[in-house]
Amino acid sequence: MAYRPKDTQERIIHRLKIARGQLDAVIKMVVEDKYCIDVIHQSKAVQEALKQIDNIMLENHLQTCVGDSFKSGNQKKATEELMRVFRKN
């Protein structure tokens, strides 16, 4: 189980809802056959919102889970876990 302070969790949920609204807008634009460049701009906004969510999650993970792993002597496991995430990009 991950530890997220209430304010961090609220920020994540808020940003996820924003991203969902933006994604719904992209879907609607495609259905309505809107101008491609306009759809791309909206799609980029969704991607940026998701990146911001990832950044909040990563910051929280580093401050909580990784710190705990290092304190308990599991540096290698914590490092490998993070590297797997970044290698997927």
N, C-alpha and C. Protein backbone atom coordinates (compact mmCIF):
# COMPACT_ATOMS: atom_id res chain seq x y z
N MET A 1 0.84 -1.18 0.00
CA MET A 1 0.00 0.00 0.00
C MET A 1 0.89 1.24 0.00
N ALA A 2 0.56 2.18 -0.83
CA ALA A 2 1.34 3.41 -0.93
C ALA A 2 0.82 4.45 0.04
N TYR A 3 1.73 5.25 0.53
CA TYR A 3 1.33 6.34 1.41
C TYR A 3 1.28 7.62 0.60
N ARG A 4 0.14 8.26 0.63
CA ARG A 4 -0.01 9.56 -0.01
C ARG A 4 -0.71 10.48 0.97
N PRO A 5 -0.07 11.59 1.31
CA PRO A 5 -0.78 12.55 2.16
C PRO A 5 -2.09 12.96 1.49
N LYS A 6 -3.07 13.29 2.29
CA LYS A 6 -4.39 13.62 1.76
C LYS A 6 -4.32 14.71 0.70
N ASP A 7 -3.53 15.75 0.95
CA ASP A 7 -3.45 16.83 -0.04
C ASP A 7 -2.83 16.35 -1.35
N THR A 8 -1.86 15.44 -1.28
CA THR A 8 -1.26 14.89 -2.50
C THR A 8 -2.28 14.05 -3.26
N GLN A 9 -3.01 13.22 -2.54
CA GLN A 9 -4.03 12.39 -3.18
C GLN A 9 -5.11 13.27 -3.82
N GLU A 10 -5.50 14.32 -3.14
CA GLU A 10 -6.51 15.23 -3.69
C GLU A 10 -6.00 15.91 -4.95
N ARG A 11 -4.73 16.31 -4.96
CA ARG A 11 -4.13 16.93 -6.16
C ARG A 11 -4.14 15.94 -7.32
N ILE A 12 -3.78 14.70 -7.04
CA ILE A 12 -3.73 13.68 -8.09
C ILE A 12 -5.14 13.45 -8.66
N ILE A 13 -6.10 13.28 -7.79
CA ILE A 13 -7.47 13.03 -8.24
C ILE A 13 -7.99 14.22 -9.03
N HIS A 14 -7.72 15.42 -8.56
CA HIS A 14 -8.16 16.62 -9.27
C HIS A 14 -7.57 16.67 -10.68
N ARG A 15 -6.28 16.41 -10.78
CA ARG A 15 -5.63 16.43 -12.10
C ARG A 15 -6.12 15.30 -13.00
N LEU A 16 -6.40 14.14 -12.42
CA LEU A 16 -6.95 13.04 -13.22
C LEU A 16 -8.32 13.41 -13.79
N LYS A 17 -9.13 14.07 -13.00
CA LYS A 17 -10.44 14.50 -13.48
C LYS A 17 -10.31 15.53 -14.60
N ILE A 18 -9.34 16.41 -14.47
CA ILE A 18 -9.09 17.39 -15.54
C ILE A 18 -8.67 16.65 -16.81
N ALA A 19 -7.75 15.70 -16.68
CA ALA A 19 -7.28 14.93 -17.84
C ALA A 19 -8.44 14.16 -18.47
N ARG A 20 -9.31 13.60 -17.65
CA ARG A 20 -10.46 12.87 -18.17
C ARG A 20 -11.36 13.81 -18.97
N GLY A 21 -11.59 15.01 -18.46
CA GLY A 21 -12.40 15.98 -19.18
C GLY A 21 -11.76 16.37 -20.51
N GLN A 22 -10.44 16.54 -20.49
CA GLN A 22 -9.73 16.88 -21.73
C GLN A 22 -9.82 15.72 -22.73
N LEU A 23 -9.68 14.49 -22.24
CA LEU A 23 -9.78 13.33 -23.12
C LEU A 23 -11.18 13.21 -23.71
N ASP A 24 -12.19 13.45 -22.90
CA ASP A 24 -13.57 13.45 -23.41
C ASP A 24 -13.72 14.49 -24.52
N ALA A 25 -13.07 15.64 -24.34
CA ALA A 25 -13.13 16.68 -25.37
C ALA A 25 -12.46 16.22 -26.66
N VAL A 26 -11.34 15.51 -26.54
CA VAL A 26 -10.66 14.98 -27.73
C VAL A 26 -11.57 14.00 -28.46
N ILE A 27 -12.18 13.11 -27.72
CA ILE A 27 -13.08 12.12 -28.33
C ILE A 27 -14.21 12.83 -29.07
N LYS A 28 -14.79 13.81 -28.42
CA LYS A 28 -15.89 14.57 -29.03
C LYS A 28 -15.42 15.27 -30.30
N MET A 29 -14.24 15.83 -30.25
CA MET A 29 -13.70 16.53 -31.42
C MET A 29 -13.51 15.57 -32.60
N VAL A 30 -13.02 14.36 -32.31
CA VAL A 30 -12.82 13.38 -33.37
C VAL A 30 -14.17 12.95 -33.94
N VAL A 31 -15.12 12.67 -33.06
CA VAL A 31 -16.47 12.27 -33.50
C VAL A 31 -17.08 13.35 -34.38
N GLU A 32 -16.85 14.61 -34.00
CA GLU A 32 -17.42 15.73 -34.75
C GLU A 32 -16.56 16.15 -35.94
N ASP A 33 -15.50 15.38 -36.19
CA ASP A 33 -14.61 15.61 -37.34
C ASP A 33 -14.03 17.03 -37.33
N LYS A 34 -13.53 17.44 -36.17
CA LYS A 34 -12.92 18.76 -36.03
C LYS A 34 -11.57 18.79 -36.72
N TYR A 35 -11.08 19.98 -36.92
CA TYR A 35 -9.80 20.22 -37.59
C TYR A 35 -8.68 19.47 -36.86
N CYS A 36 -7.89 18.74 -37.61
CA CYS A 36 -6.86 17.86 -37.05
C CYS A 36 -5.92 18.58 -36.08
N ILE A 37 -5.46 19.73 -36.45
CA ILE A 37 -4.52 20.46 -35.60
C ILE A 37 -5.16 20.82 -34.26
N ASP A 38 -6.43 21.17 -34.28
CA ASP A 38 -7.13 21.47 -33.02
C ASP A 38 -7.21 20.23 -32.14
N VAL A 39 -7.45 19.08 -32.76
CA VAL A 39 -7.51 17.82 -32.01
C VAL A 39 -6.13 17.52 -31.42
N ILE A 40 -5.10 17.72 -32.20
CA ILE A 40 -3.74 17.46 -31.72
C ILE A 40 -3.41 18.37 -30.54
N HIS A 41 -3.78 19.63 -30.61
CA HIS A 41 -3.53 20.55 -29.50
C HIS A 41 -4.21 20.05 -28.23
N GLN A 42 -5.44 19.60 -28.35
CA GLN A 42 -6.16 19.10 -27.18
C GLN A 42 -5.54 17.80 -26.68
N SER A 43 -5.12 16.95 -27.60
CA SER A 43 -4.46 15.70 -27.22
C SER A 43 -3.16 15.98 -26.46
N LYS A 44 -2.41 16.96 -26.92
CA LYS A 44 -1.17 17.34 -26.23
C LYS A 44 -1.46 17.82 -24.82
N ALA A 45 -2.58 18.52 -24.63
CA ALA A 45 -2.97 18.98 -23.30
C ALA A 45 -3.24 17.78 -22.38
N VAL A 46 -3.87 16.76 -22.91
CA VAL A 46 -4.12 15.54 -22.14
C VAL A 46 -2.79 14.90 -21.74
N GLN A 47 -1.89 14.79 -22.68
CA GLN A 47 -0.59 14.18 -22.41
C GLN A 47 0.18 14.97 -21.35
N GLU A 48 0.12 16.29 -21.43
CA GLU A 48 0.80 17.13 -20.45
C GLU A 48 0.18 16.96 -19.06
N ALA A 49 -1.13 16.87 -19.01
CA ALA A 49 -1.81 16.66 -17.72
C ALA A 49 -1.37 15.34 -17.11
N LEU A 50 -1.25 14.29 -17.92
CA LEU A 50 -0.81 12.99 -17.42
C LEU A 50 0.65 13.04 -16.95
N LYS A 51 1.48 13.80 -17.64
CA LYS A 51 2.87 13.95 -17.22
C LYS A 51 2.93 14.63 -15.85
N GLN A 52 2.09 15.63 -15.66
CA GLN A 52 2.07 16.32 -14.36
C GLN A 52 1.64 15.37 -13.25
N ILE A 53 0.68 14.53 -13.55
CA ILE A 53 0.23 13.53 -12.58
C ILE A 53 1.39 12.58 -12.24
N ASP A 54 2.08 12.12 -13.27
CA ASP A 54 3.24 11.24 -13.05
C ASP A 54 4.28 11.92 -12.17
N ASN A 55 4.51 13.20 -12.41
CA ASN A 55 5.51 13.93 -11.62
C ASN A 55 5.10 14.02 -10.15
N ILE A 56 3.84 14.27 -9.89
CA ILE A 56 3.35 14.32 -8.51
C ILE A 56 3.52 12.95 -7.86
N MET A 57 3.14 11.91 -8.59
CA MET A 57 3.25 10.55 -8.06
C MET A 57 4.72 10.20 -7.78
N LEU A 58 5.60 10.53 -8.71
CA LEU A 58 7.02 10.22 -8.53
C LEU A 58 7.59 10.97 -7.34
N GLU A 59 7.28 12.23 -7.22
CA GLU A 59 7.78 13.01 -6.09
C GLU A 59 7.32 12.39 -4.77
N ASN A 60 6.05 12.03 -4.69
CA ASN A 60 5.53 11.40 -3.48
C ASN A 60 6.24 10.07 -3.23
N HIS A 61 6.43 9.28 -4.27
CA HIS A 61 7.09 7.98 -4.12
C HIS A 61 8.51 8.14 -3.60
N LEU A 62 9.23 9.12 -4.14
CA LEU A 62 10.60 9.35 -3.70
C LEU A 62 10.64 9.79 -2.24
N GLN A 63 9.70 10.62 -1.84
CA GLN A 63 9.68 11.13 -0.48
C GLN A 63 9.21 10.10 0.55
N THR A 64 8.47 9.12 0.11
CA THR A 64 7.91 8.16 1.06
C THR A 64 8.50 6.77 0.86
N CYS A 65 8.07 6.08 -0.14
CA CYS A 65 8.44 4.68 -0.36
C CYS A 65 9.94 4.48 -0.55
N VAL A 66 10.55 5.30 -1.38
CA VAL A 66 11.98 5.13 -1.65
C VAL A 66 12.79 5.43 -0.39
N GLY A 67 12.39 6.49 0.30
CA GLY A 67 13.08 6.80 1.56
C GLY A 67 13.00 5.65 2.54
N ASP A 68 11.82 5.06 2.67
CA ASP A 68 11.64 3.91 3.56
C ASP A 68 12.49 2.73 3.11
N SER A 69 12.54 2.50 1.78
CA SER A 69 13.34 1.38 1.26
C SER A 69 14.82 1.57 1.57
N PHE A 70 15.30 2.79 1.42
CA PHE A 70 16.71 3.06 1.71
C PHE A 70 16.99 2.86 3.20
N LYS A 71 16.09 3.32 4.04
CA LYS A 71 16.28 3.18 5.48
C LYS A 71 16.31 1.71 5.90
N SER A 72 15.55 0.88 5.19
CA SER A 72 15.51 -0.54 5.56
C SER A 72 16.52 -1.38 4.80
N GLY A 73 17.42 -0.73 4.05
CA GLY A 73 18.48 -1.46 3.37
C GLY A 73 18.10 -2.04 2.02
N ASN A 74 17.00 -1.59 1.44
CA ASN A 74 16.55 -2.11 0.14
C ASN A 74 16.82 -1.13 -1.00
N GLN A 75 17.99 -0.49 -0.96
CA GLN A 75 18.33 0.49 -1.98
C GLN A 75 18.30 -0.09 -3.38
N LYS A 76 18.88 -1.28 -3.53
CA LYS A 76 18.97 -1.89 -4.85
C LYS A 76 17.58 -2.14 -5.43
N LYS A 77 16.70 -2.70 -4.64
CA LYS A 77 15.34 -2.99 -5.11
C LYS A 77 14.62 -1.69 -5.50
N ALA A 78 14.73 -0.66 -4.68
CA ALA A 78 14.07 0.61 -4.97
C ALA A 78 14.63 1.24 -6.25
N THR A 79 15.94 1.18 -6.40
CA THR A 79 16.58 1.74 -7.59
C THR A 79 16.16 0.99 -8.84
N GLU A 80 16.15 -0.33 -8.78
CA GLU A 80 15.75 -1.14 -9.94
C GLU A 80 14.30 -0.87 -10.33
N GLU A 81 13.46 -0.72 -9.33
CA GLU A 81 12.04 -0.44 -9.59
C GLU A 81 11.89 0.88 -10.35
N LEU A 82 12.57 1.91 -9.91
CA LEU A 82 12.49 3.21 -10.59
C LEU A 82 13.09 3.13 -11.99
N MET A 83 14.19 2.43 -12.13
CA MET A 83 14.82 2.33 -13.44
C MET A 83 13.91 1.61 -14.44
N ARG A 84 13.16 0.61 -13.99
CA ARG A 84 12.21 -0.08 -14.88
C ARG A 84 11.17 0.90 -15.42
N VAL A 85 10.73 1.80 -14.59
CA VAL A 85 9.74 2.79 -15.03
C VAL A 85 10.34 3.70 -16.11
N PHE A 86 11.55 4.18 -15.87
CA PHE A 86 12.15 5.11 -16.82
C PHE A 86 12.63 4.44 -18.09
N ARG A 87 12.93 3.17 -18.05
CA ARG A 87 13.35 2.45 -19.26
C ARG A 87 12.19 2.21 -20.21
N LYS A 88 10.97 2.28 -19.70
CA LYS A 88 9.78 2.06 -20.54
C LYS A 88 9.51 3.23 -21.49
N ASN A 89 10.11 4.38 -21.19
CA ASN A 89 9.85 5.57 -22.02
C ASN A 89 10.53 5.51 -23.34
